[in-house]
N, C-alpha and C. Protein backbone atom coordinates (compact mmCIF):
# COMPACT_ATOMS: atom_id res chain seq x y z
N MET A 1 82.32 109.41 108.46
CA MET A 1 83.43 108.12 107.91
C MET A 1 84.41 107.75 108.96
N SER A 2 84.43 106.59 109.22
CA SER A 2 84.98 106.38 110.81
C SER A 2 86.80 106.13 110.12
N THR A 3 87.48 106.61 111.48
CA THR A 3 88.68 106.72 111.16
C THR A 3 89.57 105.71 112.19
N PHE A 4 90.89 105.70 112.09
CA PHE A 4 91.98 104.75 112.53
C PHE A 4 93.24 105.12 112.57
N ASP A 5 94.15 104.67 113.31
CA ASP A 5 95.26 104.92 113.00
C ASP A 5 96.04 104.20 112.17
N LEU A 6 97.37 105.06 111.52
CA LEU A 6 98.26 104.18 110.41
C LEU A 6 98.80 102.72 111.08
N SER A 7 98.70 102.25 112.24
CA SER A 7 99.05 101.43 112.23
C SER A 7 98.76 100.10 112.33
N THR A 8 97.42 100.45 112.32
CA THR A 8 96.26 99.12 112.17
C THR A 8 95.64 99.01 110.86
N SER A 9 96.54 99.77 109.82
CA SER A 9 96.32 99.91 108.28
C SER A 9 96.55 98.38 107.86
N PRO A 10 96.05 97.63 106.51
CA PRO A 10 96.71 96.91 105.92
C PRO A 10 97.34 97.08 105.13
N PRO A 11 98.58 96.16 104.78
CA PRO A 11 99.59 96.70 104.08
C PRO A 11 98.91 97.27 102.42
N GLY A 12 99.40 97.78 101.41
CA GLY A 12 98.71 98.05 100.38
C GLY A 12 97.35 99.08 100.13
N LYS A 13 96.69 99.22 101.12
CA LYS A 13 95.58 99.69 101.26
C LYS A 13 95.65 101.34 101.67
N ILE A 14 95.47 102.27 100.18
CA ILE A 14 95.55 103.60 99.93
C ILE A 14 94.26 104.17 101.04
N CYS A 15 94.81 104.85 101.91
CA CYS A 15 93.94 105.84 102.70
C CYS A 15 94.32 107.48 102.46
N ILE A 16 93.83 107.63 103.50
CA ILE A 16 94.07 109.43 103.32
C ILE A 16 94.00 109.91 105.20
N ILE A 17 94.85 110.90 105.22
CA ILE A 17 95.28 111.56 106.13
C ILE A 17 94.59 112.23 106.66
N ASP A 18 93.88 112.09 107.90
CA ASP A 18 92.91 112.90 108.48
C ASP A 18 93.91 113.87 109.25
N HIS A 19 94.08 113.73 110.32
CA HIS A 19 95.03 114.62 111.23
C HIS A 19 96.02 113.49 111.95
N VAL A 20 97.12 114.09 112.53
CA VAL A 20 98.12 113.80 113.06
C VAL A 20 97.78 113.96 114.60
N LYS A 21 97.29 113.68 115.40
CA LYS A 21 97.59 113.77 116.90
C LYS A 21 98.70 113.85 117.70
N ASP A 22 98.56 114.85 118.74
CA ASP A 22 99.46 114.96 119.44
C ASP A 22 99.14 114.64 121.05
N LEU A 23 100.50 113.97 121.53
CA LEU A 23 100.23 112.87 122.86
C LEU A 23 100.77 113.67 123.91
N LEU A 24 101.85 114.65 123.33
CA LEU A 24 102.26 115.64 124.34
C LEU A 24 102.44 117.10 124.36
N SER A 25 102.79 118.05 124.92
CA SER A 25 102.30 119.12 124.84
C SER A 25 103.62 120.19 124.79
N PRO A 26 104.51 120.22 123.95
CA PRO A 26 104.33 120.07 122.68
C PRO A 26 104.82 118.62 122.54
N ASP A 27 104.32 117.99 121.47
CA ASP A 27 104.86 117.02 120.63
C ASP A 27 105.51 116.67 119.77
N THR A 28 107.00 116.64 119.83
CA THR A 28 108.06 116.89 118.69
C THR A 28 107.80 115.74 117.82
N ILE A 29 107.64 114.56 118.01
CA ILE A 29 107.19 113.65 117.19
C ILE A 29 105.99 114.05 116.09
N SER A 30 104.93 114.32 116.57
CA SER A 30 104.09 114.61 115.33
C SER A 30 104.45 116.04 114.80
N ASN A 31 104.95 116.88 115.58
CA ASN A 31 105.41 118.18 114.59
C ASN A 31 106.47 117.76 113.34
N ARG A 32 107.30 116.84 113.69
CA ARG A 32 107.75 116.31 112.94
C ARG A 32 107.24 115.61 111.68
N LEU A 33 106.15 114.27 112.10
CA LEU A 33 105.43 114.01 111.02
C LEU A 33 104.78 114.65 109.94
N ARG A 34 104.46 116.07 110.80
CA ARG A 34 103.66 116.91 109.79
C ARG A 34 104.67 117.80 109.20
N ASP A 35 106.01 117.72 109.36
CA ASP A 35 107.31 118.43 108.51
C ASP A 35 107.25 117.56 107.42
N LEU A 36 107.00 116.45 107.64
CA LEU A 36 107.36 115.36 106.56
C LEU A 36 106.42 115.29 105.44
N GLY A 37 105.32 115.88 105.44
CA GLY A 37 103.97 115.73 104.88
C GLY A 37 103.24 115.00 105.08
N PHE A 38 102.99 114.30 106.54
CA PHE A 38 102.28 113.51 106.87
C PHE A 38 100.77 114.65 107.68
N VAL A 39 100.01 115.25 106.45
CA VAL A 39 99.14 116.24 106.66
C VAL A 39 97.85 115.85 106.24
N PRO A 40 96.81 116.37 106.82
CA PRO A 40 95.35 116.12 106.22
C PRO A 40 95.33 116.38 104.91
N GLY A 41 94.37 115.35 103.97
CA GLY A 41 94.18 115.14 102.47
C GLY A 41 95.44 114.52 101.90
N GLU A 42 96.38 114.14 102.61
CA GLU A 42 97.30 113.35 101.74
C GLU A 42 96.92 112.49 101.74
N SER A 43 97.30 111.52 100.48
CA SER A 43 97.16 109.78 100.49
C SER A 43 98.28 108.86 101.02
N VAL A 44 98.32 108.04 101.67
CA VAL A 44 99.19 107.25 102.39
C VAL A 44 99.04 105.86 102.27
N LYS A 45 99.95 104.49 102.16
CA LYS A 45 99.56 103.20 102.30
C LYS A 45 101.06 102.85 102.96
N ILE A 46 100.68 101.82 103.77
CA ILE A 46 101.75 100.81 104.19
C ILE A 46 102.43 99.99 102.80
N ILE A 47 103.44 99.79 102.68
CA ILE A 47 104.51 98.87 102.36
C ILE A 47 104.58 98.17 102.47
N ALA A 48 105.10 97.85 103.94
CA ALA A 48 105.35 96.42 104.73
C ALA A 48 105.45 96.58 106.13
N PHE A 49 105.56 95.72 107.26
CA PHE A 49 106.16 95.48 108.11
C PHE A 49 107.18 94.97 108.71
N GLY A 50 107.84 95.40 109.44
CA GLY A 50 108.90 94.83 109.94
C GLY A 50 109.15 92.94 110.51
N PRO A 51 109.64 92.67 110.67
CA PRO A 51 109.69 91.32 111.06
C PRO A 51 109.21 91.11 112.38
N PHE A 52 109.93 91.96 113.05
CA PHE A 52 110.02 91.60 114.45
C PHE A 52 108.80 92.73 115.53
N GLY A 53 107.38 92.33 115.86
CA GLY A 53 106.53 92.86 116.41
C GLY A 53 106.24 93.77 115.34
N ALA A 54 106.37 93.82 114.13
CA ALA A 54 105.90 94.89 113.38
C ALA A 54 106.47 96.19 113.12
N ASN A 55 107.74 95.91 113.75
CA ASN A 55 108.55 97.22 113.61
C ASN A 55 109.82 97.32 112.66
N PRO A 56 110.40 98.08 112.37
CA PRO A 56 109.60 99.32 111.44
C PRO A 56 108.25 99.10 110.84
N ILE A 57 107.43 99.78 110.53
CA ILE A 57 106.37 99.95 109.20
C ILE A 57 107.09 100.99 107.89
N ALA A 58 106.91 100.18 107.21
CA ALA A 58 107.51 100.95 105.57
C ALA A 58 106.00 101.65 105.12
N VAL A 59 106.43 103.16 104.94
CA VAL A 59 104.62 103.72 104.48
C VAL A 59 105.40 104.57 102.91
N GLN A 60 104.25 105.00 102.41
CA GLN A 60 104.71 105.86 101.19
C GLN A 60 103.23 107.14 101.48
N ILE A 61 104.25 108.10 101.39
CA ILE A 61 103.06 109.31 100.97
C ILE A 61 103.90 110.09 99.33
N GLY A 62 103.17 109.90 98.46
CA GLY A 62 103.43 110.09 96.94
C GLY A 62 104.51 109.08 96.82
N SER A 63 105.94 109.72 96.43
CA SER A 63 107.09 108.67 95.68
C SER A 63 107.81 108.90 96.68
N THR A 64 107.55 108.78 98.13
CA THR A 64 108.61 109.30 99.39
C THR A 64 108.23 108.15 100.33
N ARG A 65 108.92 107.27 100.24
CA ARG A 65 109.08 106.40 101.67
C ARG A 65 109.54 106.66 103.23
N PHE A 66 108.86 105.88 104.34
CA PHE A 66 109.34 106.40 105.58
C PHE A 66 109.16 105.01 106.36
N ALA A 67 110.25 105.00 107.42
CA ALA A 67 109.81 103.57 108.10
C ALA A 67 109.59 104.42 109.50
N LEU A 68 108.92 104.34 110.07
CA LEU A 68 108.13 104.71 111.25
C LEU A 68 108.00 103.27 112.34
N ARG A 69 108.22 104.05 113.22
CA ARG A 69 108.08 103.05 114.73
C ARG A 69 106.84 102.79 114.65
N ARG A 70 106.25 101.95 115.37
CA ARG A 70 104.60 101.38 115.45
C ARG A 70 103.83 102.81 116.48
N ASN A 71 104.87 103.13 117.80
CA ASN A 71 104.51 103.97 118.16
C ASN A 71 104.05 105.99 117.30
N GLU A 72 104.76 105.64 116.58
CA GLU A 72 104.99 106.93 115.27
C GLU A 72 103.59 107.14 114.66
N ALA A 73 103.49 106.00 113.70
CA ALA A 73 102.10 105.49 112.76
C ALA A 73 101.59 105.42 113.84
N ALA A 74 100.93 105.23 115.17
CA ALA A 74 99.92 105.25 115.75
C ALA A 74 99.50 106.58 115.96
N ARG A 75 100.47 107.89 115.62
CA ARG A 75 99.72 109.25 115.71
C ARG A 75 99.34 109.60 114.67
N VAL A 76 99.13 108.89 113.58
CA VAL A 76 98.65 109.21 112.65
C VAL A 76 97.04 108.52 112.11
N ILE A 77 96.34 109.73 112.27
CA ILE A 77 94.76 109.38 112.20
C ILE A 77 94.47 109.04 110.36
N ILE A 78 94.12 108.11 110.14
CA ILE A 78 93.59 108.04 108.80
C ILE A 78 92.23 107.07 108.20
N ARG A 79 91.65 108.00 107.30
CA ARG A 79 90.48 106.95 106.88
C ARG A 79 90.44 106.32 105.39
N ALA A 80 89.28 105.58 105.20
CA ALA A 80 89.61 104.65 104.05
C ALA A 80 89.45 105.86 102.98
N ASP A 81 90.25 105.45 101.71
CA ASP A 81 90.39 106.47 100.72
C ASP A 81 88.72 105.66 99.88
N LYS A 82 88.03 106.13 99.43
CA LYS A 82 86.35 106.01 98.55
C LYS A 82 87.17 104.72 97.51
């Protein structure tokens, strides 16, 4: 199954989190995303993109919504839900 990053997902499509990638060592942003619930197996969907360069990106995990910068969302690797 192919994976892609959350920043490229179309709005409304429900996807499954595969992993959060670390760009640095340690990567405090990736660690914070995992602390917030961006963990493997969770479903996630993009609610909307912001008006200026698609920033921020509104995403939903369960009943919780977050606003992520595009570079933060790019760390979240997802796969399409069946």
